[in-house]
Amino acid sequence: MRQLPAQQSQIAQNQTPEARVVRAGTERWLVVKASPDQAWTTSRQFWTDSGFVLAVEQPNAGIMETDWAENRADIPQDWLRRTTGKVMDLFYTTYKRDKFRTRLERGAEPGTMEIYLSHRGMEQVPTTKIDNSSPAAFAWAVMPPNPALEAEMLTRLMMKFGTPEPVAREGALQLAELTE
């Protein structure tokens, strides 16, 4: 449970009372009106509905973590990719992987839960080259944190808790503007 002076935390306006994004400095988290079991079940369902496999589930500690999943958002969607991708999807890769960690804690307000989400990313980088141009070997390297991706996933999780999409997106946008 996070204890912050009122002037330090910022709450986006126009959000449903059941779920809202709170921000202090660079950290964002959700505050939801839910029991620990409801928050756990909804968060777990969010990840599985989003296509992630949960590699760690520790309900008593309030921690769940997804397995590494390929980030396919950067694959071009041209006509050739759309046509051949249906049959030969394994030939298209971004060489990037993502995993997310979710931590659930009892909220400072009675009847609430705080949900923290963090992202880790890795990408393949060449380690040696043939003829000083073509990569010969690759290794996985840690990517820098991606706060925009974490914010997007928090927004989607907030929608899973029942916040309408326009309200969730507006709340996330307001918090982004407050920190610029």
N, C-alpha and C. Protein backbone atom coordinates (compact mmCIF):
# COMPACT_ATOMS: atom_id res chain seq x y z
N MET A 1 0.85 -1.17 0.00
CA MET A 1 0.00 0.00 0.00
C MET A 1 0.89 1.23 0.00
N ARG A 2 0.62 2.14 -0.90
CA ARG A 2 1.44 3.32 -1.09
C ARG A 2 0.84 4.46 -0.27
N GLN A 3 1.66 5.10 0.55
CA GLN A 3 1.24 6.26 1.32
C GLN A 3 1.91 7.49 0.72
N LEU A 4 1.14 8.36 0.12
CA LEU A 4 1.70 9.56 -0.49
C LEU A 4 0.96 10.79 0.02
N PRO A 5 1.67 11.86 0.22
CA PRO A 5 0.98 13.10 0.55
C PRO A 5 0.06 13.49 -0.59
N ALA A 6 -1.04 14.13 -0.28
CA ALA A 6 -2.05 14.47 -1.29
C ALA A 6 -1.49 15.27 -2.45
N GLN A 7 -0.55 16.17 -2.19
CA GLN A 7 -0.03 16.99 -3.28
C GLN A 7 0.89 16.21 -4.21
N GLN A 8 1.39 15.05 -3.80
CA GLN A 8 2.29 14.29 -4.65
C GLN A 8 1.57 13.43 -5.67
N SER A 9 0.44 12.86 -5.30
CA SER A 9 -0.25 11.98 -6.23
C SER A 9 -1.25 12.77 -7.05
N GLN A 10 -1.42 12.33 -8.28
CA GLN A 10 -2.35 13.00 -9.19
C GLN A 10 -3.36 11.97 -9.65
N ILE A 11 -4.62 12.33 -9.60
CA ILE A 11 -5.69 11.43 -10.03
C ILE A 11 -6.34 12.05 -11.25
N ALA A 12 -6.48 11.24 -12.29
CA ALA A 12 -7.14 11.75 -13.49
C ALA A 12 -8.62 11.97 -13.21
N GLN A 13 -9.14 13.09 -13.70
CA GLN A 13 -10.55 13.40 -13.51
C GLN A 13 -11.40 12.59 -14.48
N ASN A 14 -12.71 12.62 -14.27
CA ASN A 14 -13.69 12.00 -15.17
C ASN A 14 -13.51 10.49 -15.30
N GLN A 15 -13.06 9.82 -14.27
CA GLN A 15 -12.96 8.37 -14.32
C GLN A 15 -14.04 7.78 -13.42
N THR A 16 -14.44 6.57 -13.72
CA THR A 16 -15.45 5.93 -12.90
C THR A 16 -14.87 5.67 -11.52
N PRO A 17 -15.71 5.69 -10.49
CA PRO A 17 -15.19 5.48 -9.15
C PRO A 17 -14.70 4.04 -8.93
N GLU A 18 -15.06 3.10 -9.82
CA GLU A 18 -14.63 1.71 -9.65
C GLU A 18 -13.17 1.51 -10.03
N ALA A 19 -12.65 2.31 -10.95
CA ALA A 19 -11.26 2.16 -11.38
C ALA A 19 -10.72 3.51 -11.82
N ARG A 20 -9.55 3.85 -11.32
CA ARG A 20 -8.93 5.10 -11.73
C ARG A 20 -7.42 4.94 -11.72
N VAL A 21 -6.76 5.74 -12.55
CA VAL A 21 -5.31 5.73 -12.62
C VAL A 21 -4.80 6.82 -11.69
N VAL A 22 -3.78 6.49 -10.92
CA VAL A 22 -3.13 7.44 -10.02
C VAL A 22 -1.66 7.49 -10.43
N ARG A 23 -1.09 8.66 -10.31
CA ARG A 23 0.31 8.81 -10.70
C ARG A 23 1.05 9.62 -9.65
N ALA A 24 2.27 9.19 -9.37
CA ALA A 24 3.19 9.93 -8.50
C ALA A 24 4.55 9.88 -9.18
N GLY A 25 5.02 11.01 -9.65
CA GLY A 25 6.28 11.03 -10.39
C GLY A 25 6.13 10.25 -11.68
N THR A 26 6.99 9.28 -11.87
CA THR A 26 6.93 8.48 -13.10
C THR A 26 6.14 7.19 -12.91
N GLU A 27 5.68 6.93 -11.70
CA GLU A 27 4.95 5.69 -11.43
C GLU A 27 3.45 5.89 -11.56
N ARG A 28 2.79 4.95 -12.24
CA ARG A 28 1.33 4.94 -12.39
C ARG A 28 0.80 3.63 -11.85
N TRP A 29 -0.41 3.69 -11.29
CA TRP A 29 -1.05 2.46 -10.86
C TRP A 29 -2.56 2.67 -10.87
N LEU A 30 -3.27 1.56 -10.82
CA LEU A 30 -4.73 1.62 -10.77
C LEU A 30 -5.19 1.49 -9.32
N VAL A 31 -6.25 2.19 -9.00
CA VAL A 31 -6.96 1.98 -7.75
C VAL A 31 -8.36 1.53 -8.16
N VAL A 32 -8.73 0.33 -7.72
CA VAL A 32 -10.02 -0.23 -8.12
C VAL A 32 -10.83 -0.57 -6.88
N LYS A 33 -12.15 -0.40 -6.98
CA LYS A 33 -13.04 -0.85 -5.91
C LYS A 33 -13.31 -2.32 -6.16
N ALA A 34 -12.63 -3.16 -5.38
CA ALA A 34 -12.77 -4.60 -5.54
C ALA A 34 -12.16 -5.29 -4.34
N SER A 35 -12.61 -6.50 -4.11
CA SER A 35 -11.98 -7.33 -3.08
C SER A 35 -10.68 -7.89 -3.66
N PRO A 36 -9.80 -8.41 -2.82
CA PRO A 36 -8.57 -9.01 -3.35
C PRO A 36 -8.87 -10.12 -4.37
N ASP A 37 -9.85 -10.97 -4.08
CA ASP A 37 -10.20 -12.05 -5.00
C ASP A 37 -10.73 -11.51 -6.33
N GLN A 38 -11.58 -10.50 -6.27
CA GLN A 38 -12.12 -9.91 -7.51
C GLN A 38 -11.01 -9.27 -8.33
N ALA A 39 -10.11 -8.53 -7.67
CA ALA A 39 -9.02 -7.87 -8.38
C ALA A 39 -8.09 -8.90 -9.01
N TRP A 40 -7.81 -9.98 -8.28
CA TRP A 40 -6.93 -11.04 -8.80
C TRP A 40 -7.56 -11.69 -10.02
N THR A 41 -8.82 -12.10 -9.88
CA THR A 41 -9.51 -12.80 -10.96
C THR A 41 -9.62 -11.93 -12.21
N THR A 42 -9.97 -10.67 -12.05
CA THR A 42 -10.10 -9.76 -13.19
C THR A 42 -8.75 -9.51 -13.85
N SER A 43 -7.71 -9.31 -13.05
CA SER A 43 -6.37 -9.09 -13.60
C SER A 43 -5.88 -10.33 -14.34
N ARG A 44 -6.09 -11.48 -13.75
CA ARG A 44 -5.67 -12.73 -14.39
C ARG A 44 -6.40 -12.93 -15.72
N GLN A 45 -7.69 -12.68 -15.71
CA GLN A 45 -8.49 -12.83 -16.94
C GLN A 45 -8.03 -11.83 -18.01
N PHE A 46 -7.65 -10.63 -17.59
CA PHE A 46 -7.14 -9.63 -18.53
C PHE A 46 -5.94 -10.17 -19.29
N TRP A 47 -4.98 -10.75 -18.57
CA TRP A 47 -3.77 -11.25 -19.23
C TRP A 47 -4.08 -12.41 -20.16
N THR A 48 -4.90 -13.34 -19.73
CA THR A 48 -5.21 -14.48 -20.60
C THR A 48 -6.03 -14.04 -21.80
N ASP A 49 -6.96 -13.11 -21.61
CA ASP A 49 -7.73 -12.58 -22.74
C ASP A 49 -6.85 -11.82 -23.72
N SER A 50 -5.75 -11.25 -23.23
CA SER A 50 -4.82 -10.50 -24.08
C SER A 50 -3.81 -11.41 -24.78
N GLY A 51 -3.93 -12.71 -24.57
CA GLY A 51 -3.07 -13.67 -25.27
C GLY A 51 -1.78 -14.01 -24.55
N PHE A 52 -1.64 -13.62 -23.30
CA PHE A 52 -0.43 -13.92 -22.54
C PHE A 52 -0.63 -15.19 -21.71
N VAL A 53 0.46 -15.91 -21.53
CA VAL A 53 0.49 -17.06 -20.64
C VAL A 53 1.08 -16.57 -19.33
N LEU A 54 0.46 -16.94 -18.22
CA LEU A 54 1.00 -16.54 -16.92
C LEU A 54 2.04 -17.56 -16.48
N ALA A 55 3.26 -17.09 -16.26
CA ALA A 55 4.36 -17.96 -15.85
C ALA A 55 4.48 -18.00 -14.32
N VAL A 56 4.05 -16.93 -13.66
CA VAL A 56 4.10 -16.85 -12.19
C VAL A 56 2.73 -16.41 -11.70
N GLU A 57 2.20 -17.17 -10.75
CA GLU A 57 0.94 -16.80 -10.10
C GLU A 57 1.10 -17.06 -8.61
N GLN A 58 1.16 -15.99 -7.83
CA GLN A 58 1.30 -16.09 -6.38
C GLN A 58 0.21 -15.24 -5.73
N PRO A 59 -1.02 -15.76 -5.65
CA PRO A 59 -2.13 -14.96 -5.12
C PRO A 59 -1.89 -14.44 -3.70
N ASN A 60 -1.26 -15.24 -2.85
CA ASN A 60 -1.02 -14.80 -1.47
C ASN A 60 -0.06 -13.62 -1.40
N ALA A 61 0.87 -13.55 -2.35
CA ALA A 61 1.80 -12.43 -2.41
C ALA A 61 1.28 -11.31 -3.30
N GLY A 62 0.20 -11.58 -4.06
CA GLY A 62 -0.36 -10.57 -4.95
C GLY A 62 0.48 -10.32 -6.18
N ILE A 63 1.16 -11.36 -6.68
CA ILE A 63 2.06 -11.19 -7.83
C ILE A 63 1.70 -12.17 -8.93
N MET A 64 1.61 -11.65 -10.14
CA MET A 64 1.50 -12.50 -11.32
C MET A 64 2.42 -11.93 -12.38
N GLU A 65 2.97 -12.82 -13.19
CA GLU A 65 3.91 -12.40 -14.22
C GLU A 65 3.64 -13.22 -15.48
N THR A 66 3.62 -12.54 -16.61
CA THR A 66 3.41 -13.25 -17.87
C THR A 66 4.72 -13.90 -18.31
N ASP A 67 4.59 -14.85 -19.19
CA ASP A 67 5.75 -15.44 -19.83
C ASP A 67 6.20 -14.47 -20.92
N TRP A 68 7.39 -14.67 -21.46
CA TRP A 68 7.86 -13.84 -22.56
C TRP A 68 6.96 -14.09 -23.77
N ALA A 69 6.56 -13.02 -24.43
CA ALA A 69 5.73 -13.13 -25.64
C ALA A 69 6.31 -12.21 -26.70
N GLU A 70 6.26 -12.67 -27.94
CA GLU A 70 6.78 -11.85 -29.03
C GLU A 70 5.91 -10.63 -29.23
N ASN A 71 6.56 -9.48 -29.37
CA ASN A 71 5.86 -8.24 -29.66
C ASN A 71 5.72 -8.15 -31.17
N ARG A 72 4.52 -8.44 -31.68
CA ARG A 72 4.29 -8.49 -33.12
C ARG A 72 3.71 -7.18 -33.65
N ALA A 73 3.67 -6.15 -32.83
CA ALA A 73 3.10 -4.88 -33.25
C ALA A 73 3.92 -4.21 -34.36
N ASP A 74 5.21 -4.50 -34.42
CA ASP A 74 6.07 -3.84 -35.40
C ASP A 74 6.19 -4.57 -36.74
N ILE A 75 5.48 -5.69 -36.88
CA ILE A 75 5.54 -6.41 -38.15
C ILE A 75 4.71 -5.65 -39.17
N PRO A 76 5.27 -5.34 -40.33
CA PRO A 76 4.52 -4.60 -41.35
C PRO A 76 3.29 -5.40 -41.80
N GLN A 77 2.22 -4.70 -42.07
CA GLN A 77 0.98 -5.35 -42.49
C GLN A 77 0.68 -5.04 -43.96
N ASP A 78 1.65 -5.24 -44.85
CA ASP A 78 1.43 -5.01 -46.27
C ASP A 78 0.66 -6.20 -46.87
N TRP A 79 0.34 -6.10 -48.15
CA TRP A 79 -0.48 -7.15 -48.78
C TRP A 79 0.24 -8.49 -48.79
N LEU A 80 1.56 -8.50 -48.96
CA LEU A 80 2.31 -9.76 -48.97
C LEU A 80 2.27 -10.40 -47.59
N ARG A 81 2.47 -9.62 -46.55
CA ARG A 81 2.44 -10.14 -45.18
C ARG A 81 1.07 -10.69 -44.84
N ARG A 82 0.02 -9.98 -45.21
CA ARG A 82 -1.33 -10.45 -44.92
C ARG A 82 -1.63 -11.75 -45.66
N THR A 83 -1.11 -11.89 -46.88
CA THR A 83 -1.38 -13.07 -47.70
C THR A 83 -0.57 -14.27 -47.22
N THR A 84 0.75 -14.11 -47.12
CA THR A 84 1.60 -15.24 -46.75
C THR A 84 1.59 -15.52 -45.26
N GLY A 85 1.30 -14.52 -44.46
CA GLY A 85 1.33 -14.68 -43.01
C GLY A 85 0.33 -15.69 -42.51
N LYS A 86 -0.76 -15.89 -43.25
CA LYS A 86 -1.76 -16.86 -42.84
C LYS A 86 -1.20 -18.27 -42.88
N VAL A 87 -0.26 -18.51 -43.77
CA VAL A 87 0.31 -19.85 -43.94
C VAL A 87 1.69 -19.94 -43.31
N MET A 88 2.51 -18.91 -43.49
CA MET A 88 3.90 -18.97 -43.05
C MET A 88 4.21 -17.92 -41.99
N ASP A 89 3.43 -17.89 -40.94
CA ASP A 89 3.59 -16.88 -39.89
C ASP A 89 4.94 -16.96 -39.19
N LEU A 90 5.54 -18.16 -39.16
CA LEU A 90 6.80 -18.29 -38.45
C LEU A 90 7.95 -17.57 -39.14
N PHE A 91 7.79 -17.17 -40.40
CA PHE A 91 8.85 -16.47 -41.11
C PHE A 91 8.89 -14.97 -40.78
N TYR A 92 7.91 -14.51 -40.05
CA TYR A 92 7.86 -13.10 -39.69
C TYR A 92 8.07 -12.97 -38.19
N THR A 93 9.07 -12.22 -37.81
CA THR A 93 9.35 -12.01 -36.40
C THR A 93 9.89 -10.60 -36.20
N THR A 94 9.74 -10.09 -35.01
CA THR A 94 10.25 -8.76 -34.70
C THR A 94 11.55 -8.84 -33.90
N TYR A 95 11.88 -10.02 -33.44
CA TYR A 95 13.07 -10.22 -32.61
C TYR A 95 12.97 -9.44 -31.30
N LYS A 96 11.73 -9.22 -30.87
CA LYS A 96 11.49 -8.54 -29.60
C LYS A 96 10.53 -9.37 -28.77
N ARG A 97 10.74 -9.35 -27.45
CA ARG A 97 9.88 -10.08 -26.52
C ARG A 97 9.50 -9.15 -25.38
N ASP A 98 8.29 -9.35 -24.86
CA ASP A 98 7.80 -8.57 -23.73
C ASP A 98 7.28 -9.51 -22.65
N LYS A 99 7.37 -9.04 -21.42
CA LYS A 99 6.71 -9.71 -20.31
C LYS A 99 6.25 -8.63 -19.34
N PHE A 100 5.19 -8.94 -18.61
CA PHE A 100 4.62 -7.97 -17.69
C PHE A 100 4.50 -8.59 -16.31
N ARG A 101 4.70 -7.76 -15.31
CA ARG A 101 4.55 -8.17 -13.92
C ARG A 101 3.44 -7.32 -13.32
N THR A 102 2.53 -7.97 -12.64
CA THR A 102 1.42 -7.28 -11.99
C THR A 102 1.50 -7.54 -10.50
N ARG A 103 1.42 -6.47 -9.72
CA ARG A 103 1.45 -6.58 -8.26
C ARG A 103 0.16 -5.97 -7.72
N LEU A 104 -0.54 -6.71 -6.89
CA LEU A 104 -1.79 -6.25 -6.30
C LEU A 104 -1.59 -6.07 -4.80
N GLU A 105 -2.03 -4.92 -4.30
CA GLU A 105 -1.92 -4.62 -2.87
C GLU A 105 -3.24 -4.03 -2.39
N ARG A 106 -3.53 -4.22 -1.12
CA ARG A 106 -4.72 -3.57 -0.55
C ARG A 106 -4.52 -2.06 -0.64
N GLY A 107 -5.60 -1.36 -0.99
CA GLY A 107 -5.52 0.08 -1.17
C GLY A 107 -5.54 0.85 0.13
N ALA A 108 -5.15 2.11 0.04
CA ALA A 108 -5.18 2.99 1.21
C ALA A 108 -6.62 3.29 1.63
N GLU A 109 -7.53 3.28 0.65
CA GLU A 109 -8.94 3.51 0.92
C GLU A 109 -9.61 2.15 1.19
N PRO A 110 -10.51 2.07 2.17
CA PRO A 110 -11.17 0.80 2.45
C PRO A 110 -11.93 0.29 1.21
N GLY A 111 -11.86 -1.01 0.99
CA GLY A 111 -12.57 -1.62 -0.12
C GLY A 111 -11.91 -1.45 -1.48
N THR A 112 -10.65 -1.00 -1.49
CA THR A 112 -9.96 -0.81 -2.78
C THR A 112 -8.71 -1.67 -2.85
N MET A 113 -8.26 -1.86 -4.07
CA MET A 113 -7.01 -2.55 -4.35
C MET A 113 -6.18 -1.65 -5.25
N GLU A 114 -4.88 -1.68 -5.06
CA GLU A 114 -3.96 -0.95 -5.92
C GLU A 114 -3.26 -1.98 -6.81
N ILE A 115 -3.21 -1.68 -8.10
CA ILE A 115 -2.63 -2.61 -9.07
C ILE A 115 -1.49 -1.90 -9.79
N TYR A 116 -0.30 -2.47 -9.65
CA TYR A 116 0.91 -1.93 -10.27
C TYR A 116 1.30 -2.84 -11.41
N LEU A 117 1.72 -2.26 -12.51
CA LEU A 117 2.09 -3.03 -13.69
C LEU A 117 3.46 -2.57 -14.16
N SER A 118 4.35 -3.52 -14.41
CA SER A 118 5.66 -3.15 -14.94
C SER A 118 5.96 -4.03 -16.15
N HIS A 119 6.74 -3.47 -17.06
CA HIS A 119 7.08 -4.12 -18.33
C HIS A 119 8.57 -4.38 -18.39
N ARG A 120 8.93 -5.52 -18.95
CA ARG A 120 10.32 -5.82 -19.28
C ARG A 120 10.34 -6.25 -20.73
N GLY A 121 11.32 -5.77 -21.45
CA GLY A 121 11.44 -6.13 -22.86
C GLY A 121 12.86 -6.57 -23.18
N MET A 122 12.95 -7.44 -24.17
CA MET A 122 14.25 -7.89 -24.66
C MET A 122 14.20 -7.91 -26.18
N GLU A 123 15.35 -7.72 -26.78
CA GLU A 123 15.44 -7.82 -28.24
C GLU A 123 16.73 -8.52 -28.62
N GLN A 124 16.69 -9.18 -29.77
CA GLN A 124 17.89 -9.84 -30.26
C GLN A 124 18.78 -8.81 -30.93
N VAL A 125 20.05 -8.85 -30.56
CA VAL A 125 21.04 -7.94 -31.16
C VAL A 125 22.19 -8.78 -31.69
N PRO A 126 22.78 -8.34 -32.80
CA PRO A 126 23.90 -9.12 -33.35
C PRO A 126 25.11 -9.05 -32.44
N THR A 127 25.79 -10.20 -32.32
CA THR A 127 27.01 -10.25 -31.50
C THR A 127 28.26 -10.38 -32.36
N THR A 128 28.12 -11.00 -33.51
CA THR A 128 29.24 -11.10 -34.45
C THR A 128 28.71 -10.91 -35.86
N LYS A 129 29.60 -10.55 -36.77
CA LYS A 129 29.19 -10.32 -38.16
C LYS A 129 30.08 -11.09 -39.12
N ILE A 130 29.49 -11.45 -40.24
CA ILE A 130 30.23 -12.07 -41.33
C ILE A 130 30.56 -10.95 -42.32
N ASP A 131 31.77 -10.87 -42.75
CA ASP A 131 32.19 -9.86 -43.73
C ASP A 131 31.87 -8.44 -43.26
N ASN A 132 31.88 -8.19 -41.97
CA ASN A 132 31.60 -6.87 -41.41
C ASN A 132 30.25 -6.29 -41.81
N SER A 133 29.31 -7.13 -42.25
CA SER A 133 28.01 -6.58 -42.63
C SER A 133 26.85 -7.45 -42.18
N SER A 134 26.88 -8.73 -42.46
CA SER A 134 25.76 -9.61 -42.14
C SER A 134 25.92 -10.22 -40.75
N PRO A 135 24.87 -10.16 -39.92
CA PRO A 135 24.96 -10.75 -38.58
C PRO A 135 25.14 -12.26 -38.66
N ALA A 136 26.02 -12.80 -37.80
CA ALA A 136 26.27 -14.24 -37.76
C ALA A 136 25.71 -14.87 -36.49
N ALA A 137 25.60 -14.09 -35.43
CA ALA A 137 25.08 -14.61 -34.17
C ALA A 137 24.32 -13.51 -33.45
N PHE A 138 23.41 -13.93 -32.60
CA PHE A 138 22.57 -12.98 -31.88
C PHE A 138 22.54 -13.33 -30.40
N ALA A 139 22.24 -12.34 -29.59
CA ALA A 139 22.05 -12.54 -28.15
C ALA A 139 20.86 -11.68 -27.73
N TRP A 140 20.19 -12.09 -26.68
CA TRP A 140 19.08 -11.30 -26.14
C TRP A 140 19.63 -10.19 -25.27
N ALA A 141 19.17 -8.97 -25.48
CA ALA A 141 19.60 -7.81 -24.70
C ALA A 141 18.37 -7.13 -24.10
N VAL A 142 18.52 -6.64 -22.90
CA VAL A 142 17.43 -5.96 -22.21
C VAL A 142 17.16 -4.62 -22.89
N MET A 143 15.89 -4.33 -23.13
CA MET A 143 15.50 -3.04 -23.72
C MET A 143 15.21 -2.06 -22.58
N PRO A 144 15.31 -0.77 -22.84
CA PRO A 144 14.98 0.21 -21.80
C PRO A 144 13.49 0.14 -21.47
N PRO A 145 13.10 0.61 -20.28
CA PRO A 145 11.69 0.61 -19.91
C PRO A 145 10.84 1.37 -20.92
N ASN A 146 9.59 0.97 -21.05
CA ASN A 146 8.67 1.60 -21.99
C ASN A 146 7.44 2.09 -21.23
N PRO A 147 7.50 3.30 -20.64
CA PRO A 147 6.38 3.83 -19.87
C PRO A 147 5.09 3.96 -20.69
N ALA A 148 5.21 4.24 -21.98
CA ALA A 148 4.01 4.37 -22.82
C ALA A 148 3.29 3.03 -22.94
N LEU A 149 4.04 1.94 -23.06
CA LEU A 149 3.43 0.61 -23.14
C LEU A 149 2.79 0.24 -21.80
N GLU A 150 3.46 0.56 -20.70
CA GLU A 150 2.87 0.30 -19.39
C GLU A 150 1.57 1.08 -19.21
N ALA A 151 1.56 2.35 -19.64
CA ALA A 151 0.35 3.17 -19.54
C ALA A 151 -0.77 2.59 -20.39
N GLU A 152 -0.44 2.12 -21.59
CA GLU A 152 -1.44 1.52 -22.47
C GLU A 152 -2.04 0.27 -21.83
N MET A 153 -1.21 -0.57 -21.25
CA MET A 153 -1.71 -1.78 -20.63
C MET A 153 -2.54 -1.46 -19.38
N LEU A 154 -2.15 -0.44 -18.63
CA LEU A 154 -2.96 -0.02 -17.48
C LEU A 154 -4.33 0.47 -17.95
N THR A 155 -4.35 1.21 -19.05
CA THR A 155 -5.61 1.69 -19.60
C THR A 155 -6.51 0.53 -19.99
N ARG A 156 -5.93 -0.47 -20.64
CA ARG A 156 -6.70 -1.65 -21.04
C ARG A 156 -7.20 -2.43 -19.82
N LEU A 157 -6.34 -2.52 -18.80
CA LEU A 157 -6.76 -3.21 -17.57
C LEU A 157 -7.89 -2.44 -16.89
N MET A 158 -7.81 -1.13 -16.90
CA MET A 158 -8.87 -0.32 -16.32
C MET A 158 -10.20 -0.59 -17.03
N MET A 159 -10.15 -0.77 -18.36
CA MET A 159 -11.37 -1.09 -19.12
C MET A 159 -11.90 -2.46 -18.71
N LYS A 160 -11.01 -3.39 -18.39
CA LYS A 160 -11.43 -4.72 -17.94
C LYS A 160 -12.20 -4.62 -16.64
N PHE A 161 -11.88 -3.62 -15.82
CA PHE A 161 -12.60 -3.40 -14.57
C PHE A 161 -13.90 -2.63 -14.77
N GLY A 162 -14.26 -2.36 -16.02
CA GLY A 162 -15.56 -1.77 -16.30
C GLY A 162 -15.56 -0.31 -16.69
N THR A 163 -14.41 0.33 -16.74
CA THR A 163 -14.36 1.72 -17.17
C THR A 163 -14.55 1.78 -18.68
N PRO A 164 -15.51 2.58 -19.17
CA PRO A 164 -15.68 2.69 -20.62
C PRO A 164 -14.41 3.19 -21.30
N GLU A 165 -14.14 2.71 -22.51
CA GLU A 165 -12.90 3.05 -23.21
C GLU A 165 -12.65 4.55 -23.33
N PRO A 166 -13.64 5.36 -23.75
CA PRO A 166 -13.36 6.80 -23.86
C PRO A 166 -12.94 7.42 -22.52
N VAL A 167 -13.56 6.98 -21.44
CA VAL A 167 -13.24 7.52 -20.12
C VAL A 167 -11.83 7.07 -19.70
N ALA A 168 -11.50 5.81 -19.95
CA ALA A 168 -10.17 5.29 -19.60
C ALA A 168 -9.08 6.01 -20.40
N ARG A 169 -9.30 6.19 -21.68
CA ARG A 169 -8.30 6.86 -22.52
C ARG A 169 -8.15 8.32 -22.13
N GLU A 170 -9.25 8.99 -21.82
CA GLU A 170 -9.21 10.39 -21.40
C GLU A 170 -8.44 10.53 -20.09
N GLY A 171 -8.66 9.61 -19.16
CA GLY A 171 -7.94 9.64 -17.89
C GLY A 171 -6.44 9.48 -18.08
N ALA A 172 -6.06 8.55 -18.95
CA ALA A 172 -4.63 8.34 -19.22
C ALA A 172 -4.03 9.57 -19.90
N LEU A 173 -4.78 10.17 -20.81
CA LEU A 173 -4.31 11.37 -21.51
C LEU A 173 -4.13 12.53 -20.53
N GLN A 174 -5.07 12.71 -19.61
CA GLN A 174 -4.96 13.77 -18.62
C GLN A 174 -3.70 13.61 -17.74
N LEU A 175 -3.42 12.37 -17.35
CA LEU A 175 -2.22 12.15 -16.54
C LEU A 175 -0.95 12.43 -17.34
N ALA A 176 -0.97 12.09 -18.61
CA ALA A 176 0.21 12.36 -19.46
C ALA A 176 0.42 13.86 -19.58
N GLU A 177 -0.66 14.62 -19.72
CA GLU A 177 -0.56 16.07 -19.85
C GLU A 177 -0.08 16.71 -18.56
N LEU A 178 -0.48 16.15 -17.42
CA LEU A 178 -0.07 16.73 -16.13
C LEU A 178 1.42 16.64 -15.90
N THR A 179 2.07 15.69 -16.54
CA THR A 179 3.51 15.49 -16.30
C THR A 179 4.37 16.11 -17.37
N GLU A 180 3.81 16.68 -18.39
CA GLU A 180 4.61 17.29 -19.47
C GLU A 180 5.08 18.68 -19.09
